[in-house]
Amino acid sequence: MLLLIALSAIIAPFVFLVILRFSARKGMFFSAVIVITLAFFVWGMEQTVVLASVFEGMHKALTILLILFGAILLLNTLRHTGAVDRINQGFRGISGDMRVQVVLVAFLFGALIEGAAGFGTPAAVTGPLMIALGFNPMAAAALALVADSSPVSFGAVGTPVQVGLSNIPGADLEFYKNIAVKITQIDLLPGTFVPFILVVILTVFFGKKKGFKSAWELFPWTFFVGITYTLSALLYASLFGPEFVSILASLTGLVVATLTAKKGFLLPKKEWTDALQDDFKVETEKSTMGLLTAWSPYLVVVGLLLITRIMPSVKEFTQTAVDWSWTNIFGVEGITSKWPVLYSPGTILILAAILAVFIQRKSFSNFTKASKESLVAIQGAGLALLSTLALVQVFTHSGMNMNDLISMPQYIAESLAATFGSMWIFAAPFLGELGAFITGSATVSTLTFSPIQFNIANQTGINTEVVLALQVIGAAAGNMICVHNVVAASAVVGLSGKEGDIIRKTIGPAILYGLLTGIGGYIVIALL
């Protein structure tokens, strides 16, 4: 009975969004009501704790909305300045094949943004870019989410590893480096196939002929790009540890993918454009804007993200100068929502949008028009995020109760461990996915479940580093289906209310990624 109640945070959203196809705004509201009611009446959470958790969720929703607003604002500003047309001409100059474009934009450029920013930013950036290239909005959202998987293990300069595993006994820099190497070894199996999975989704679900043949003919190139990414990730993890894996591996992949695509290496001669929107018109007039000038705002974003996360003095300033964090909400110790405004990717995206009109020598009215459009675009997402984050925080803090029960996440984990026993190596990635699905964060999933994974590994005799690596990879794969990421991805492509339909497209790849991760972990243990 208690297990069913703990699972309500997973079951309710799945029923309302995926099966009944409610919008996230409606479905997550009902889900939040159910979970909060059960937490109060059955789990025994005190009224003050429940209320503090709900307001913590509302506060966190605002931090995510800032990122959403910044991503949409930057894209809308670049649309008005004409930079988007020039960027698209650049992509089409590499290849007009949409299968190639999805690998370049969603996977490799998204991985670069993930490595610098994390926190769901890549899908908010790459989704609109694919719309501008002529992709169907549903395709853009689903592909952006699935692509933002393998790089998430090292997103935001190693945060999922260094912060997510910080509560493991004996965690230090050497430990983090060892885990990073294990992650990249295991991810050689699932991560290598992400580009091909993206192409399969594009051709099977969104191509006019909806055939697998169009995907299969691109397998050699996608495999080459995928193995380039995962092998270089293994190299960089071995040399430097977790901080720069996604950034350096994505840059390596971008160089290789661009050069091979321009030369037509391993690519069919006929370019595939069967997923173009029917009313989409390719801009044939040559833009007068330079390609570097058009891309410069995104280069500013990556540069500022890296500076604010790598340089200690700048990092300290941006984390403390404008701090809208809410500590010990309503006097409940431990319930805190952090919001260092200048450190937020959203603030950096807004700054890049302002700089864009000056760098590209355009009227400032382009920015003001884009601001009004962007505010309208995030309204629907705001209501959905409020309910989603309220549910998440009540679920997370459910260990603060009068019935001496462990938290709902811990209860689920211990029940699963008792069921799987020595076969835990295949279940470990899915616990990470469940954590990300509910909490919306790979880092929070790992923070929550890594001590449990560590204890299970010791009890079953499975290599602890491998199990913890499986947790991190699983949490990264959960990025494809976590509700607040889906809400964000749907909002930026104009599909608010269609979140359930998007999850129906991404849940299969998420399960497949978990299965391949388990197999990869088994192989690594066999070779140890």
Protein backbone atom coordinates (compact mmCIF):
# COMPACT_ATOMS: atom_id res chain seq x y z
CA MET A 1 0.00 0.00 0.00
CA LEU A 2 2.77 2.44 0.96
CA LEU A 3 4.67 1.59 -2.22
CA LEU A 4 1.62 2.47 -4.33
CA ILE A 5 1.30 5.79 -2.50
CA ALA A 6 5.01 6.54 -3.01
CA LEU A 7 4.64 5.69 -6.71
CA SER A 8 1.71 8.10 -7.05
CA ALA A 9 4.23 10.79 -8.05
CA ILE A 10 5.08 8.66 -11.09
CA ILE A 11 1.74 6.98 -11.80
CA ALA A 12 -0.45 10.10 -11.69
CA PRO A 13 1.56 12.17 -14.22
CA PHE A 14 1.87 9.12 -16.51
CA VAL A 15 -1.90 8.49 -16.43
CA PHE A 16 -2.93 12.12 -16.90
CA LEU A 17 -0.30 13.15 -19.47
CA VAL A 18 0.43 10.00 -21.47
CA ILE A 19 -2.74 7.90 -21.25
CA LEU A 20 -5.46 10.55 -20.89
CA ARG A 21 -3.44 13.12 -22.89
CA PHE A 22 -4.23 16.02 -20.58
CA SER A 23 -2.16 19.16 -20.98
CA ALA A 24 0.63 19.50 -18.42
CA ARG A 25 -1.16 22.49 -16.93
CA LYS A 26 -4.23 20.36 -16.12
CA GLY A 27 -2.60 16.95 -15.67
CA MET A 28 0.15 18.13 -13.33
CA PHE A 29 -2.35 20.14 -11.27
CA PHE A 30 -4.41 17.00 -10.64
CA SER A 31 -1.23 14.99 -10.01
CA ALA A 32 0.01 17.54 -7.50
CA VAL A 33 -3.32 17.53 -5.65
CA ILE A 34 -3.22 13.71 -5.40
CA VAL A 35 0.40 13.50 -4.22
CA ILE A 36 0.09 16.38 -1.75
CA THR A 37 -3.12 14.92 -0.29
CA LEU A 38 -1.52 11.50 0.17
CA ALA A 39 1.64 13.03 1.62
CA PHE A 40 -0.40 14.91 4.22
CA PHE A 41 -3.00 12.29 5.20
CA VAL A 42 -1.07 9.02 4.73
CA TRP A 43 2.64 9.85 4.86
CA GLY A 44 2.08 12.20 7.79
CA MET A 45 3.82 15.33 6.55
CA GLU A 46 3.08 18.34 8.71
CA GLN A 47 1.05 21.17 7.25
CA THR A 48 3.94 23.65 7.52
CA VAL A 49 6.33 21.28 5.75
CA VAL A 50 3.83 20.66 2.94
CA LEU A 51 3.19 24.39 2.55
CA ALA A 52 6.93 25.20 2.59
CA SER A 53 7.56 22.51 -0.03
CA VAL A 54 4.81 23.87 -2.28
CA PHE A 55 6.18 27.41 -2.08
CA GLU A 56 9.70 26.09 -2.68
CA GLY A 57 8.37 24.51 -5.87
CA MET A 58 6.74 27.77 -6.92
CA HIS A 59 10.00 29.63 -6.34
CA LYS A 60 11.98 27.06 -8.35
CA ALA A 61 9.41 27.38 -11.15
CA LEU A 62 10.32 31.06 -11.46
CA THR A 63 14.01 30.18 -11.86
CA ILE A 64 13.15 27.83 -14.73
CA LEU A 65 10.84 30.38 -16.33
CA LEU A 66 13.74 32.84 -16.44
CA ILE A 67 15.76 30.32 -18.47
CA LEU A 68 12.78 29.67 -20.76
CA PHE A 69 12.19 33.36 -21.29
CA GLY A 70 15.88 33.94 -22.06
CA ALA A 71 16.03 31.11 -24.60
CA ILE A 72 12.88 32.23 -26.43
CA LEU A 73 13.91 35.88 -26.24
CA LEU A 74 17.31 35.21 -27.81
CA LEU A 75 15.80 33.24 -30.67
CA ASN A 76 13.04 35.80 -31.32
CA THR A 77 15.59 38.63 -31.28
CA LEU A 78 17.76 36.78 -33.81
CA ARG A 79 14.71 36.14 -35.98
CA HIS A 80 14.02 39.87 -36.10
CA THR A 81 17.65 40.77 -36.84
CA GLY A 82 17.84 38.19 -39.64
CA ALA A 83 20.53 36.15 -37.89
CA VAL A 84 18.40 32.98 -37.81
CA ASP A 85 18.13 33.01 -41.62
CA ARG A 86 21.93 33.29 -41.85
CA ILE A 87 22.47 30.49 -39.29
CA ASN A 88 20.12 28.25 -41.24
CA GLN A 89 21.94 29.03 -44.48
CA GLY A 90 25.12 27.96 -42.69
CA PHE A 91 23.60 24.64 -41.67
CA ARG A 92 22.24 24.07 -45.16
CA GLY A 93 25.72 24.91 -46.48
CA ILE A 94 27.01 21.93 -44.52
CA SER A 95 24.08 19.74 -45.58
CA GLY A 96 20.48 20.21 -46.65
CA ASP A 97 19.71 16.72 -45.31
CA MET A 98 17.45 17.03 -42.26
CA ARG A 99 18.87 13.81 -40.81
CA VAL A 100 22.32 15.40 -40.75
CA GLN A 101 20.94 18.67 -39.39
CA VAL A 102 19.28 16.98 -36.41
CA VAL A 103 22.60 15.39 -35.40
CA LEU A 104 24.48 18.68 -35.79
CA VAL A 105 21.92 20.89 -34.04
CA ALA A 106 20.10 18.72 -31.50
CA PHE A 107 22.87 16.34 -30.47
CA LEU A 108 26.24 18.07 -30.95
CA PHE A 109 25.35 21.76 -30.54
CA GLY A 110 22.94 20.74 -27.76
CA ALA A 111 25.76 18.81 -26.05
CA LEU A 112 27.91 21.94 -26.12
CA ILE A 113 25.15 23.97 -24.46
CA GLU A 114 24.58 21.13 -21.96
CA GLY A 115 28.25 21.02 -21.05
CA ALA A 116 28.27 24.75 -20.37
CA ALA A 117 24.84 25.31 -18.81
CA GLY A 118 22.83 22.16 -18.09
CA PHE A 119 19.50 22.53 -16.25
CA GLY A 120 17.36 21.82 -19.32
CA THR A 121 18.81 24.72 -21.32
CA PRO A 122 19.80 22.74 -24.48
CA ALA A 123 16.27 21.68 -25.46
CA ALA A 124 15.09 25.26 -24.98
CA VAL A 125 17.80 26.44 -27.40
CA THR A 126 17.95 23.68 -30.04
CA GLY A 127 14.18 23.13 -30.35
CA PRO A 128 13.50 26.61 -31.75
CA LEU A 129 16.57 26.38 -33.99
CA MET A 130 15.15 23.25 -35.61
CA ILE A 131 11.78 24.99 -36.06
CA ALA A 132 13.64 27.70 -37.96
CA LEU A 133 15.19 24.98 -40.17
CA GLY A 134 11.71 23.77 -41.11
CA PHE A 135 11.21 20.92 -38.63
CA ASN A 136 7.73 20.11 -37.40
CA PRO A 137 7.27 21.58 -33.86
CA MET A 138 6.50 18.15 -32.38
CA ALA A 139 9.61 16.72 -34.05
CA ALA A 140 11.74 19.63 -32.80
CA ALA A 141 10.59 19.19 -29.19
CA ALA A 142 10.92 15.38 -29.11
CA LEU A 143 14.29 15.33 -30.87
CA ALA A 144 15.72 18.08 -28.66
CA LEU A 145 14.75 16.10 -25.54
CA VAL A 146 16.10 12.75 -26.77
CA ALA A 147 19.35 14.37 -27.93
CA ASP A 148 19.90 15.93 -24.52
CA SER A 149 20.70 12.61 -22.85
CA SER A 150 24.27 11.32 -23.10
CA PRO A 151 25.84 14.78 -22.52
CA VAL A 152 23.75 15.30 -19.35
CA SER A 153 25.99 12.95 -17.34
CA PHE A 154 28.57 15.75 -17.39
CA GLY A 155 26.26 18.75 -17.87
CA ALA A 156 27.08 22.17 -16.39
CA VAL A 157 30.84 21.52 -16.10
CA GLY A 158 30.56 18.19 -14.30
CA THR A 159 27.79 19.10 -11.84
CA PRO A 160 25.83 15.79 -12.04
CA VAL A 161 28.99 13.91 -11.00
CA GLN A 162 30.65 16.32 -8.59
CA VAL A 163 27.49 17.54 -6.86
CA GLY A 164 25.28 14.51 -7.45
CA LEU A 165 27.80 12.13 -5.85
CA SER A 166 29.06 14.53 -3.17
CA ASN A 167 27.28 12.67 -0.35
CA ILE A 168 29.03 9.35 -1.04
CA PRO A 169 31.59 8.41 1.67
CA GLY A 170 35.13 9.20 0.57
CA ALA A 171 34.08 11.28 -2.43
CA ASP A 172 37.03 13.33 -3.70
CA LEU A 173 38.51 14.46 -7.02
CA GLU A 174 40.08 11.06 -7.70
CA PHE A 175 36.75 9.37 -6.98
CA TYR A 176 34.91 11.72 -9.36
CA LYS A 177 37.47 11.04 -12.08
CA ASN A 178 37.10 7.27 -11.65
CA ILE A 179 33.30 7.57 -11.90
CA ALA A 180 33.65 9.77 -14.99
CA VAL A 181 35.78 7.10 -16.67
CA LYS A 182 33.26 4.38 -15.74
CA ILE A 183 30.40 6.51 -17.12
CA THR A 184 32.15 6.99 -20.46
CA GLN A 185 33.09 3.30 -20.66
CA ILE A 186 29.48 2.22 -20.10
CA ASP A 187 28.13 4.96 -22.38
CA LEU A 188 30.15 3.60 -25.31
CA LEU A 189 27.14 1.38 -25.96
CA PRO A 190 24.06 3.64 -25.54
CA GLY A 191 25.72 6.99 -26.27
CA THR A 192 27.16 5.88 -29.59
CA PHE A 193 23.67 5.15 -30.92
CA VAL A 194 22.01 8.44 -29.92
CA PRO A 195 22.57 10.05 -33.36
CA PHE A 196 21.05 7.01 -35.07
CA ILE A 197 18.10 6.94 -32.64
CA LEU A 198 17.43 10.60 -33.48
CA VAL A 199 17.40 9.83 -37.19
CA VAL A 200 15.05 6.86 -36.64
CA ILE A 201 12.62 9.06 -34.67
CA LEU A 202 12.75 11.74 -37.38
CA THR A 203 12.15 9.41 -40.33
CA VAL A 204 9.72 6.93 -38.74
CA PHE A 205 7.49 9.38 -36.86
CA PHE A 206 7.79 12.56 -38.90
CA GLY A 207 8.86 11.64 -42.44
CA LYS A 208 6.19 11.68 -45.13
CA LYS A 209 6.89 8.02 -45.97
CA LYS A 210 7.47 7.09 -42.29
CA GLY A 211 9.96 4.39 -43.21
CA PHE A 212 12.98 2.85 -41.49
CA LYS A 213 14.90 2.63 -44.77
CA SER A 214 15.60 6.35 -44.76
CA ALA A 215 17.15 5.99 -41.31
CA TRP A 216 19.17 2.88 -42.05
CA GLU A 217 20.98 4.44 -45.00
CA LEU A 218 22.41 7.03 -42.62
CA PHE A 219 23.55 4.46 -40.04
CA PRO A 220 27.24 4.42 -41.12
CA TRP A 221 27.59 8.19 -40.71
CA THR A 222 25.61 8.39 -37.44
CA PHE A 223 27.65 5.51 -36.00
CA PHE A 224 30.89 7.25 -37.00
CA VAL A 225 29.77 10.51 -35.38
CA GLY A 226 28.45 8.71 -32.31
CA ILE A 227 31.60 6.69 -31.71
CA THR A 228 33.68 9.85 -32.24
CA TYR A 229 31.69 11.54 -29.47
CA THR A 230 31.78 8.64 -26.98
CA LEU A 231 35.44 7.68 -27.55
CA SER A 232 36.57 11.29 -27.24
CA ALA A 233 34.43 11.58 -24.08
CA LEU A 234 36.28 8.56 -22.65
CA LEU A 235 39.62 10.16 -23.54
CA TYR A 236 38.74 13.52 -21.97
CA ALA A 237 37.32 11.88 -18.82
CA SER A 238 40.55 9.87 -18.45
CA LEU A 239 42.69 12.97 -18.90
CA PHE A 240 40.76 15.72 -17.13
CA GLY A 241 37.94 14.23 -15.05
CA PRO A 242 34.24 15.15 -15.38
CA GLU A 243 34.22 18.95 -15.81
CA PHE A 244 34.80 19.38 -19.55
CA VAL A 245 33.74 16.06 -21.04
CA SER A 246 30.52 17.26 -22.72
CA ILE A 247 32.11 20.49 -23.95
CA LEU A 248 35.24 18.94 -25.45
CA ALA A 249 33.51 15.82 -26.81
CA SER A 250 30.80 17.93 -28.48
CA LEU A 251 33.40 20.23 -30.08
CA THR A 252 35.31 17.18 -31.34
CA GLY A 253 32.08 15.70 -32.68
CA LEU A 254 31.07 18.99 -34.34
CA VAL A 255 34.37 19.25 -36.19
CA VAL A 256 34.22 15.63 -37.40
CA ALA A 257 30.52 15.76 -38.29
CA THR A 258 30.87 19.06 -40.17
CA LEU A 259 33.88 17.97 -42.20
CA THR A 260 32.45 14.55 -43.10
CA ALA A 261 29.01 16.00 -43.95
CA LYS A 262 30.48 18.66 -46.25
CA LYS A 263 32.55 15.99 -48.02
CA GLY A 264 29.59 13.59 -48.19
CA PHE A 265 31.62 10.93 -46.36
CA LEU A 266 29.42 7.88 -45.52
CA LEU A 267 26.34 9.85 -46.62
CA PRO A 268 23.87 9.00 -49.40
CA LYS A 269 23.95 11.31 -52.41
CA LYS A 270 20.28 12.27 -52.18
CA GLU A 271 19.44 14.73 -49.43
CA TRP A 272 16.43 13.80 -47.28
CA THR A 273 13.88 16.58 -46.61
CA ASP A 274 10.69 14.56 -46.11
CA ALA A 275 10.00 16.05 -42.67
CA LEU A 276 9.88 19.68 -43.81
CA GLN A 277 6.71 21.49 -42.83
CA ASP A 278 4.36 21.79 -45.78
CA ASP A 279 4.23 25.59 -45.67
CA PHE A 280 7.95 26.03 -45.00
CA LYS A 281 9.88 28.08 -47.52
CA VAL A 282 13.65 27.89 -47.67
CA GLU A 283 15.15 31.37 -47.70
CA THR A 284 16.95 31.57 -51.04
CA GLU A 285 18.07 35.20 -50.85
CA LYS A 286 21.67 35.31 -49.69
CA SER A 287 22.00 37.04 -46.32
CA THR A 288 24.43 39.94 -46.11
CA MET A 289 25.22 39.12 -42.48
CA GLY A 290 28.43 37.23 -41.82
CA LEU A 291 28.09 33.72 -40.38
CA LEU A 292 30.28 34.55 -37.38
CA THR A 293 28.20 37.67 -36.69
CA ALA A 294 24.99 35.64 -36.84
CA TRP A 295 26.38 33.01 -34.45
CA SER A 296 28.06 35.53 -32.13
CA PRO A 297 25.19 35.72 -29.57
CA TYR A 298 25.36 31.94 -29.05
CA LEU A 299 29.15 32.17 -28.78
CA VAL A 300 28.60 34.86 -26.13
CA VAL A 301 26.26 32.48 -24.29
CA VAL A 302 28.78 29.63 -24.26
CA GLY A 303 31.63 31.98 -23.33
CA LEU A 304 29.77 33.63 -20.44
CA LEU A 305 28.50 30.29 -19.15
CA LEU A 306 32.05 28.95 -19.05
CA ILE A 307 33.51 32.10 -17.47
CA THR A 308 30.88 32.19 -14.72
CA ARG A 309 31.46 28.52 -13.91
CA ILE A 310 35.24 28.20 -14.27
CA MET A 311 36.75 31.49 -13.02
CA PRO A 312 36.45 31.45 -9.18
CA SER A 313 36.18 35.23 -8.71
CA VAL A 314 33.54 35.65 -11.44
CA LYS A 315 31.66 32.60 -10.17
CA GLU A 316 31.58 33.98 -6.63
CA PHE A 317 30.41 37.39 -7.83
CA THR A 318 27.58 36.05 -10.01
CA GLN A 319 26.43 33.71 -7.24
CA THR A 320 26.29 36.41 -4.55
CA ALA A 321 25.77 39.85 -6.15
CA VAL A 322 22.04 39.43 -6.86
CA ASP A 323 20.76 36.58 -4.71
CA TRP A 324 17.00 35.94 -4.68
CA SER A 325 17.32 32.64 -2.85
CA TRP A 326 14.67 31.72 -0.26
CA THR A 327 16.27 30.03 2.75
CA ASN A 328 14.44 27.87 5.33
CA ILE A 329 11.03 28.68 3.87
CA PHE A 330 8.41 29.36 6.57
CA GLY A 331 11.05 28.44 9.15
CA VAL A 332 11.39 24.83 7.98
CA GLU A 333 15.11 24.01 8.08
CA GLY A 334 16.41 22.37 4.92
CA ILE A 335 13.64 23.60 2.61
CA THR A 336 15.48 26.18 0.55
CA SER A 337 15.32 27.37 -3.04
CA LYS A 338 18.45 28.96 -4.46
CA TRP A 339 18.31 31.65 -7.13
CA PRO A 340 21.58 33.48 -7.82
CA VAL A 341 20.14 35.63 -10.60
CA LEU A 342 23.35 36.62 -12.40
CA TYR A 343 24.52 32.98 -12.39
CA SER A 344 21.34 31.78 -14.08
CA PRO A 345 21.61 30.70 -17.75
CA GLY A 346 18.44 32.73 -18.26
CA THR A 347 20.17 35.98 -17.35
CA ILE A 348 23.05 35.14 -19.69
CA LEU A 349 20.62 34.38 -22.54
CA ILE A 350 18.86 37.74 -21.98
CA LEU A 351 22.21 39.56 -21.97
CA ALA A 352 23.17 37.79 -25.21
CA ALA A 353 19.89 38.93 -26.78
CA ILE A 354 20.63 42.55 -25.83
CA LEU A 355 24.19 42.33 -27.15
CA ALA A 356 22.93 40.74 -30.37
CA VAL A 357 21.26 43.94 -31.61
CA PHE A 358 24.51 45.87 -31.09
CA ILE A 359 26.86 43.22 -32.50
CA GLN A 360 24.61 42.78 -35.55
CA ARG A 361 24.03 46.57 -35.83
CA LYS A 362 20.25 46.42 -35.74
CA SER A 363 17.58 48.58 -34.13
CA PHE A 364 16.90 47.99 -30.41
CA SER A 365 13.21 47.67 -31.35
CA ASN A 366 14.06 44.13 -32.44
CA PHE A 367 14.76 43.30 -28.80
CA THR A 368 11.63 45.01 -27.44
CA LYS A 369 9.37 43.26 -29.97
CA ALA A 370 11.00 39.94 -29.12
CA SER A 371 10.50 40.57 -25.39
CA LYS A 372 6.74 41.04 -25.78
CA GLU A 373 6.45 37.90 -27.93
CA SER A 374 8.51 35.86 -25.46
CA LEU A 375 6.46 36.90 -22.42
CA VAL A 376 3.31 35.69 -24.16
CA ALA A 377 5.02 32.42 -25.14
CA ILE A 378 5.92 31.37 -21.56
CA GLN A 379 2.55 32.04 -19.91
CA GLY A 380 1.18 28.52 -20.44
CA ALA A 381 4.42 26.91 -19.30
CA GLY A 382 4.38 28.94 -16.08
CA LEU A 383 1.14 27.44 -14.80
CA ALA A 384 2.29 23.90 -15.65
CA LEU A 385 5.63 24.40 -13.92
CA LEU A 386 4.04 25.66 -10.70
CA SER A 387 2.11 22.40 -10.22
CA THR A 388 5.01 20.23 -11.40
CA LEU A 389 7.57 21.72 -9.03
CA ALA A 390 5.11 21.73 -6.11
CA LEU A 391 4.64 17.97 -6.59
CA VAL A 392 8.40 17.43 -6.89
CA GLN A 393 9.27 19.24 -3.68
CA VAL A 394 6.57 17.57 -1.59
CA PHE A 395 7.73 14.18 -2.90
CA THR A 396 11.38 15.04 -2.16
CA HIS A 397 10.74 16.27 1.39
CA SER A 398 8.29 13.50 2.31
CA GLY A 399 10.86 12.12 4.76
CA MET A 400 9.93 15.03 7.07
CA ASN A 401 6.87 13.37 8.57
CA MET A 402 5.27 12.45 11.89
CA ASN A 403 4.91 8.74 11.05
CA ASP A 404 8.67 8.00 11.12
CA LEU A 405 8.55 6.88 7.49
CA ILE A 406 11.48 7.20 5.13
CA SER A 407 10.92 9.53 2.17
CA MET A 408 8.89 8.37 -0.82
CA PRO A 409 11.98 8.24 -3.10
CA GLN A 410 13.83 6.08 -0.56
CA TYR A 411 10.81 3.80 -0.15
CA ILE A 412 10.62 3.22 -3.90
CA ALA A 413 14.37 2.56 -4.16
CA GLU A 414 14.46 0.07 -1.27
CA SER A 415 11.41 -1.77 -2.61
CA LEU A 416 13.02 -2.08 -6.04
CA ALA A 417 16.30 -3.27 -4.51
CA ALA A 418 14.51 -6.02 -2.58
CA THR A 419 12.85 -7.15 -5.82
CA PHE A 420 15.89 -7.21 -8.12
CA GLY A 421 18.65 -8.33 -5.75
CA SER A 422 21.75 -9.48 -7.65
CA MET A 423 20.21 -8.36 -10.96
CA TRP A 424 20.35 -4.78 -9.72
CA ILE A 425 22.85 -3.81 -12.41
CA PHE A 426 20.00 -3.81 -14.94
CA ALA A 427 17.62 -1.91 -12.63
CA ALA A 428 20.08 0.77 -11.45
CA PRO A 429 19.78 2.98 -14.59
CA PHE A 430 15.98 2.96 -14.32
CA LEU A 431 16.09 4.19 -10.72
CA GLY A 432 18.13 7.11 -12.04
CA GLU A 433 15.54 7.67 -14.78
CA LEU A 434 12.67 7.59 -12.29
CA GLY A 435 14.48 10.14 -10.15
CA ALA A 436 14.96 12.49 -13.09
CA PHE A 437 11.38 11.96 -14.29
CA ILE A 438 10.03 13.10 -10.93
CA THR A 439 12.56 15.72 -9.83
CA GLY A 440 13.33 17.11 -13.29
CA SER A 441 17.07 17.09 -12.63
CA ALA A 442 19.80 14.51 -13.22
CA THR A 443 21.81 16.08 -10.40
CA VAL A 444 18.94 15.95 -7.89
CA SER A 445 18.14 12.37 -8.94
CA THR A 446 21.72 11.34 -8.22
CA LEU A 447 21.86 13.31 -4.97
CA THR A 448 18.67 11.55 -3.86
CA PHE A 449 19.42 8.01 -4.96
CA SER A 450 23.23 7.65 -5.00
CA PRO A 451 23.48 6.73 -1.28
CA ILE A 452 20.83 4.05 -1.85
CA GLN A 453 22.62 2.80 -4.97
CA PHE A 454 25.89 2.73 -2.99
CA ASN A 455 24.34 0.65 -0.19
CA ILE A 456 22.68 -1.76 -2.64
CA ALA A 457 25.99 -2.25 -4.46
CA ASN A 458 27.72 -3.12 -1.18
CA GLN A 459 24.92 -5.50 -0.17
CA THR A 460 24.90 -7.34 -3.52
CA GLY A 461 28.66 -7.31 -4.06
CA ILE A 462 28.42 -5.40 -7.36
CA ASN A 463 31.21 -2.91 -8.14
CA THR A 464 30.12 0.34 -6.43
CA GLU A 465 31.72 2.64 -9.04
CA VAL A 466 29.86 0.87 -11.84
CA VAL A 467 26.52 1.10 -10.01
CA LEU A 468 27.02 4.80 -9.28
CA ALA A 469 27.95 5.36 -12.93
CA LEU A 470 24.73 3.58 -13.95
CA GLN A 471 22.78 5.93 -11.66
CA VAL A 472 24.32 9.01 -13.29
CA ILE A 473 23.72 7.73 -16.84
CA GLY A 474 20.16 6.69 -16.00
CA ALA A 475 19.44 10.11 -14.51
CA ALA A 476 20.80 11.68 -17.72
CA ALA A 477 18.49 9.50 -19.84
CA GLY A 478 15.57 10.55 -17.64
CA ASN A 479 16.06 14.03 -19.08
CA MET A 480 14.08 12.82 -22.12
CA ILE A 481 10.88 12.32 -20.11
CA CYS A 482 11.09 14.52 -17.01
CA VAL A 483 7.95 16.62 -16.91
CA HIS A 484 9.36 20.09 -16.41
CA ASN A 485 11.87 19.61 -19.26
CA VAL A 486 8.99 18.49 -21.49
CA VAL A 487 6.98 21.53 -20.42
CA ALA A 488 9.92 23.78 -21.30
CA ALA A 489 10.57 22.09 -24.64
CA SER A 490 6.92 22.29 -25.63
CA ALA A 491 6.69 25.95 -24.66
CA VAL A 492 9.62 27.11 -26.79
CA VAL A 493 8.23 25.45 -29.94
CA GLY A 494 4.67 26.64 -29.37
CA LEU A 495 3.17 23.32 -28.25
CA SER A 496 2.05 24.09 -24.69
CA GLY A 497 -0.68 21.59 -23.83
CA LYS A 498 0.85 18.79 -25.95
CA GLU A 499 3.27 17.53 -23.31
CA GLY A 500 1.69 14.07 -23.12
CA ASP A 501 2.08 13.58 -26.87
CA ILE A 502 5.76 14.53 -26.60
CA ILE A 503 6.37 12.03 -23.76
CA ARG A 504 4.74 9.32 -25.89
CA LYS A 505 7.49 9.96 -28.45
CA THR A 506 10.38 10.09 -25.95
CA ILE A 507 9.49 7.30 -23.50
CA GLY A 508 10.57 4.53 -25.91
CA PRO A 509 14.08 5.98 -26.43
CA ALA A 510 14.37 6.54 -22.65
CA ILE A 511 13.58 2.87 -21.95
CA LEU A 512 15.94 1.74 -24.72
CA TYR A 513 18.72 3.92 -23.32
CA GLY A 514 18.19 2.37 -19.87
CA LEU A 515 18.37 -1.16 -21.29
CA LEU A 516 21.54 -0.44 -23.27
CA THR A 517 23.07 1.19 -20.20
CA GLY A 518 22.39 -1.92 -18.11
CA ILE A 519 24.01 -4.10 -20.79
CA GLY A 520 26.95 -1.69 -20.97
CA GLY A 521 27.38 -1.92 -17.20
CA TYR A 522 27.29 -5.72 -17.35
CA ILE A 523 30.00 -5.73 -20.04
CA VAL A 524 32.23 -3.34 -18.06
CA ILE A 525 31.93 -5.53 -14.93
CA ALA A 526 32.70 -8.64 -16.99
CA LEU A 527 35.88 -6.97 -18.26
CA LEU A 528 37.05 -5.72 -14.84
